[in-house]
Amino acid sequence: MNEQEITDQLVKEGFGEVAVYADSAGFEYATHTHEKLTAHVILVGEMELTDKNGTKKLIAGERFDIPAGTTHSVKMGSLGCKYIIGEK
């Protein structure tokens, strides 16, 4: 699916807030939580997600959902990462 199709799918699933983000290689989001359920879809590049279950590498085409209030951190891959986040 392309960026618009992914956005449309997330909206169809009830994610009212959908945005595209791009971060540079190695950029990190320190440990944090979200107030709402978030869906993350990787468009280009890769990121590593760390939560209570460990660290998982996510690549283009993959999606992961994070329940509201879940503590996690993220680090972008060596080429950076472009991704979509939907919140509901």
N, C-alpha and C. Protein backbone atom coordinates (compact mmCIF):
# COMPACT_ATOMS: atom_id res chain seq x y z
N MET A 1 0.84 -1.19 0.00
CA MET A 1 0.00 0.00 0.00
C MET A 1 0.88 1.25 0.00
N ASN A 2 0.39 2.28 -0.61
CA ASN A 2 1.12 3.54 -0.61
C ASN A 2 0.68 4.41 0.58
N GLU A 3 1.33 5.54 0.74
CA GLU A 3 1.08 6.42 1.88
C GLU A 3 -0.39 6.81 2.01
N GLN A 4 -1.03 7.18 0.91
CA GLN A 4 -2.43 7.60 0.96
C GLN A 4 -3.34 6.43 1.32
N GLU A 5 -3.07 5.25 0.78
CA GLU A 5 -3.89 4.08 1.10
C GLU A 5 -3.77 3.70 2.58
N ILE A 6 -2.56 3.81 3.12
CA ILE A 6 -2.36 3.52 4.54
C ILE A 6 -3.11 4.53 5.39
N THR A 7 -3.00 5.79 5.04
CA THR A 7 -3.72 6.84 5.76
C THR A 7 -5.22 6.59 5.72
N ASP A 8 -5.74 6.29 4.54
CA ASP A 8 -7.17 6.01 4.39
C ASP A 8 -7.60 4.82 5.23
N GLN A 9 -6.77 3.77 5.27
CA GLN A 9 -7.07 2.58 6.05
C GLN A 9 -7.13 2.90 7.54
N LEU A 10 -6.17 3.69 8.02
CA LEU A 10 -6.17 4.06 9.43
C LEU A 10 -7.41 4.88 9.80
N VAL A 11 -7.78 5.82 8.93
CA VAL A 11 -8.98 6.62 9.16
C VAL A 11 -10.20 5.71 9.19
N LYS A 12 -10.27 4.75 8.28
CA LYS A 12 -11.38 3.79 8.23
C LYS A 12 -11.46 2.98 9.52
N GLU A 13 -10.30 2.71 10.14
CA GLU A 13 -10.24 1.97 11.40
C GLU A 13 -10.57 2.83 12.61
N GLY A 14 -10.82 4.11 12.39
CA GLY A 14 -11.20 5.00 13.48
C GLY A 14 -10.09 5.84 14.07
N PHE A 15 -8.91 5.82 13.43
CA PHE A 15 -7.82 6.68 13.89
C PHE A 15 -8.09 8.09 13.36
N GLY A 16 -8.54 8.97 14.25
CA GLY A 16 -8.93 10.32 13.85
C GLY A 16 -7.77 11.24 13.56
N GLU A 17 -6.65 11.00 14.22
CA GLU A 17 -5.45 11.83 14.02
C GLU A 17 -4.41 10.97 13.32
N VAL A 18 -4.08 11.32 12.09
CA VAL A 18 -3.10 10.56 11.30
C VAL A 18 -2.08 11.55 10.73
N ALA A 19 -0.79 11.26 10.93
CA ALA A 19 0.26 12.17 10.45
C ALA A 19 1.47 11.36 9.99
N VAL A 20 2.23 11.97 9.07
CA VAL A 20 3.46 11.36 8.56
C VAL A 20 4.64 12.06 9.23
N TYR A 21 5.62 11.26 9.67
CA TYR A 21 6.82 11.77 10.32
C TYR A 21 8.04 11.22 9.60
N ALA A 22 9.14 11.94 9.68
CA ALA A 22 10.43 11.48 9.14
C ALA A 22 11.52 11.91 10.12
N ASP A 23 12.33 10.95 10.53
CA ASP A 23 13.42 11.23 11.46
C ASP A 23 14.73 10.76 10.86
N SER A 24 15.80 11.45 11.22
CA SER A 24 17.12 11.14 10.68
C SER A 24 17.72 9.89 11.32
N ALA A 25 18.76 9.39 10.69
CA ALA A 25 19.46 8.19 11.15
C ALA A 25 19.87 8.32 12.61
N GLY A 26 19.58 7.31 13.40
CA GLY A 26 19.98 7.26 14.78
C GLY A 26 19.18 8.11 15.75
N PHE A 27 18.21 8.89 15.23
CA PHE A 27 17.40 9.73 16.12
C PHE A 27 16.64 8.84 17.10
N GLU A 28 16.54 9.30 18.35
CA GLU A 28 15.89 8.51 19.38
C GLU A 28 14.78 9.29 20.08
N TYR A 29 13.69 8.59 20.40
CA TYR A 29 12.66 9.10 21.28
C TYR A 29 12.83 8.34 22.59
N ALA A 30 13.19 9.05 23.65
CA ALA A 30 13.41 8.42 24.95
C ALA A 30 12.12 7.78 25.45
N THR A 31 12.23 7.03 26.51
CA THR A 31 11.08 6.33 27.07
C THR A 31 9.92 7.29 27.29
N HIS A 32 8.75 6.90 26.78
CA HIS A 32 7.56 7.74 26.87
C HIS A 32 6.30 6.88 26.73
N THR A 33 5.15 7.52 26.87
CA THR A 33 3.86 6.87 26.64
C THR A 33 3.00 7.78 25.77
N HIS A 34 1.92 7.23 25.25
CA HIS A 34 0.93 8.01 24.51
C HIS A 34 -0.39 7.92 25.26
N GLU A 35 -1.17 8.99 25.22
CA GLU A 35 -2.47 9.00 25.90
C GLU A 35 -3.51 8.17 25.18
N LYS A 36 -3.27 7.90 23.88
CA LYS A 36 -4.24 7.16 23.07
C LYS A 36 -3.56 5.95 22.44
N LEU A 37 -4.37 5.02 21.96
CA LEU A 37 -3.86 3.91 21.14
C LEU A 37 -3.19 4.52 19.92
N THR A 38 -1.98 4.04 19.58
CA THR A 38 -1.30 4.53 18.39
C THR A 38 -0.96 3.38 17.46
N ALA A 39 -1.14 3.61 16.17
CA ALA A 39 -0.73 2.67 15.14
C ALA A 39 0.43 3.32 14.40
N HIS A 40 1.53 2.58 14.24
CA HIS A 40 2.72 3.07 13.54
C HIS A 40 2.91 2.19 12.31
N VAL A 41 3.05 2.80 11.15
CA VAL A 41 3.30 2.06 9.91
C VAL A 41 4.58 2.61 9.30
N ILE A 42 5.56 1.74 9.11
CA ILE A 42 6.85 2.15 8.56
C ILE A 42 6.73 2.26 7.04
N LEU A 43 7.08 3.44 6.50
CA LEU A 43 7.01 3.67 5.05
C LEU A 43 8.37 3.42 4.39
N VAL A 44 9.42 3.99 4.97
CA VAL A 44 10.77 3.89 4.41
C VAL A 44 11.75 3.78 5.58
N GLY A 45 12.77 2.97 5.43
CA GLY A 45 13.79 2.84 6.46
C GLY A 45 13.38 1.83 7.52
N GLU A 46 13.90 2.06 8.73
CA GLU A 46 13.60 1.14 9.82
C GLU A 46 13.73 1.85 11.16
N MET A 47 13.11 1.25 12.17
CA MET A 47 13.23 1.74 13.54
C MET A 47 13.25 0.56 14.49
N GLU A 48 13.80 0.78 15.66
CA GLU A 48 13.80 -0.22 16.71
C GLU A 48 12.87 0.26 17.81
N LEU A 49 11.93 -0.58 18.18
CA LEU A 49 10.98 -0.30 19.25
C LEU A 49 11.39 -1.12 20.47
N THR A 50 11.50 -0.47 21.61
CA THR A 50 11.80 -1.17 22.86
C THR A 50 10.66 -0.94 23.83
N ASP A 51 10.12 -2.06 24.35
CA ASP A 51 9.09 -2.00 25.38
C ASP A 51 9.35 -3.10 26.40
N LYS A 52 8.39 -3.39 27.24
CA LYS A 52 8.59 -4.39 28.30
C LYS A 52 8.91 -5.78 27.75
N ASN A 53 8.61 -6.02 26.47
CA ASN A 53 8.86 -7.32 25.84
C ASN A 53 10.22 -7.40 25.16
N GLY A 54 11.00 -6.31 25.19
CA GLY A 54 12.30 -6.31 24.55
C GLY A 54 12.36 -5.34 23.39
N THR A 55 13.32 -5.56 22.49
CA THR A 55 13.54 -4.68 21.34
C THR A 55 13.21 -5.43 20.06
N LYS A 56 12.49 -4.74 19.18
CA LYS A 56 12.10 -5.34 17.90
C LYS A 56 12.45 -4.36 16.78
N LYS A 57 13.10 -4.86 15.72
CA LYS A 57 13.40 -4.04 14.55
C LYS A 57 12.19 -4.08 13.62
N LEU A 58 11.76 -2.90 13.18
CA LEU A 58 10.61 -2.77 12.28
C LEU A 58 11.09 -2.17 10.97
N ILE A 59 10.65 -2.75 9.87
CA ILE A 59 11.09 -2.31 8.55
C ILE A 59 9.91 -1.84 7.71
N ALA A 60 10.22 -1.26 6.57
CA ALA A 60 9.19 -0.74 5.67
C ALA A 60 8.12 -1.79 5.41
N GLY A 61 6.87 -1.35 5.52
CA GLY A 61 5.73 -2.23 5.30
C GLY A 61 5.15 -2.81 6.57
N GLU A 62 5.90 -2.72 7.68
CA GLU A 62 5.40 -3.29 8.93
C GLU A 62 4.60 -2.27 9.72
N ARG A 63 3.67 -2.81 10.50
CA ARG A 63 2.82 -1.99 11.38
C ARG A 63 2.91 -2.55 12.79
N PHE A 64 2.90 -1.64 13.76
CA PHE A 64 2.78 -2.05 15.14
C PHE A 64 1.88 -1.07 15.87
N ASP A 65 1.03 -1.59 16.73
CA ASP A 65 0.11 -0.78 17.53
C ASP A 65 0.59 -0.78 18.97
N ILE A 66 0.47 0.37 19.62
CA ILE A 66 0.88 0.51 21.00
C ILE A 66 -0.33 0.99 21.81
N PRO A 67 -0.77 0.17 22.76
CA PRO A 67 -1.91 0.58 23.59
C PRO A 67 -1.61 1.85 24.38
N ALA A 68 -2.63 2.63 24.67
CA ALA A 68 -2.47 3.84 25.48
C ALA A 68 -1.79 3.49 26.79
N GLY A 69 -0.86 4.36 27.19
CA GLY A 69 -0.19 4.19 28.47
C GLY A 69 0.98 3.21 28.49
N THR A 70 1.29 2.59 27.35
CA THR A 70 2.39 1.63 27.29
C THR A 70 3.73 2.36 27.21
N THR A 71 4.62 2.06 28.13
CA THR A 71 5.95 2.67 28.15
C THR A 71 6.80 2.05 27.05
N HIS A 72 7.44 2.90 26.24
CA HIS A 72 8.29 2.42 25.15
C HIS A 72 9.27 3.51 24.72
N SER A 73 10.27 3.11 23.96
CA SER A 73 11.21 4.05 23.34
C SER A 73 11.45 3.59 21.91
N VAL A 74 11.98 4.51 21.09
CA VAL A 74 12.24 4.18 19.69
C VAL A 74 13.55 4.78 19.23
N LYS A 75 14.24 4.06 18.35
CA LYS A 75 15.48 4.55 17.75
C LYS A 75 15.41 4.27 16.25
N MET A 76 15.72 5.30 15.46
CA MET A 76 15.68 5.16 14.01
C MET A 76 16.90 4.38 13.51
N GLY A 77 16.73 3.71 12.39
CA GLY A 77 17.79 2.92 11.79
C GLY A 77 18.87 3.78 11.15
N SER A 78 19.84 3.14 10.55
CA SER A 78 21.01 3.82 9.99
C SER A 78 20.70 4.72 8.79
N LEU A 79 19.55 4.52 8.16
CA LEU A 79 19.15 5.37 7.04
C LEU A 79 18.00 6.30 7.40
N GLY A 80 17.64 6.34 8.68
CA GLY A 80 16.51 7.13 9.10
C GLY A 80 15.21 6.37 8.90
N CYS A 81 14.10 7.06 9.10
CA CYS A 81 12.82 6.38 8.99
C CYS A 81 11.71 7.39 8.68
N LYS A 82 10.83 7.02 7.78
CA LYS A 82 9.62 7.77 7.48
C LYS A 82 8.46 6.85 7.83
N TYR A 83 7.48 7.38 8.59
CA TYR A 83 6.42 6.53 9.08
C TYR A 83 5.15 7.33 9.31
N ILE A 84 4.05 6.61 9.42
CA ILE A 84 2.74 7.19 9.69
C ILE A 84 2.34 6.78 11.10
N ILE A 85 1.79 7.73 11.85
CA ILE A 85 1.20 7.42 13.15
C ILE A 85 -0.26 7.82 13.12
N GLY A 86 -1.11 6.90 13.56
CA GLY A 86 -2.52 7.19 13.76
C GLY A 86 -2.84 7.08 15.24
N GLU A 87 -3.69 7.97 15.76
CA GLU A 87 -4.08 7.92 17.16
C GLU A 87 -5.59 7.85 17.29
N LYS A 88 -6.02 7.02 18.27
CA LYS A 88 -7.46 6.99 18.60
C LYS A 88 -7.66 6.60 20.04
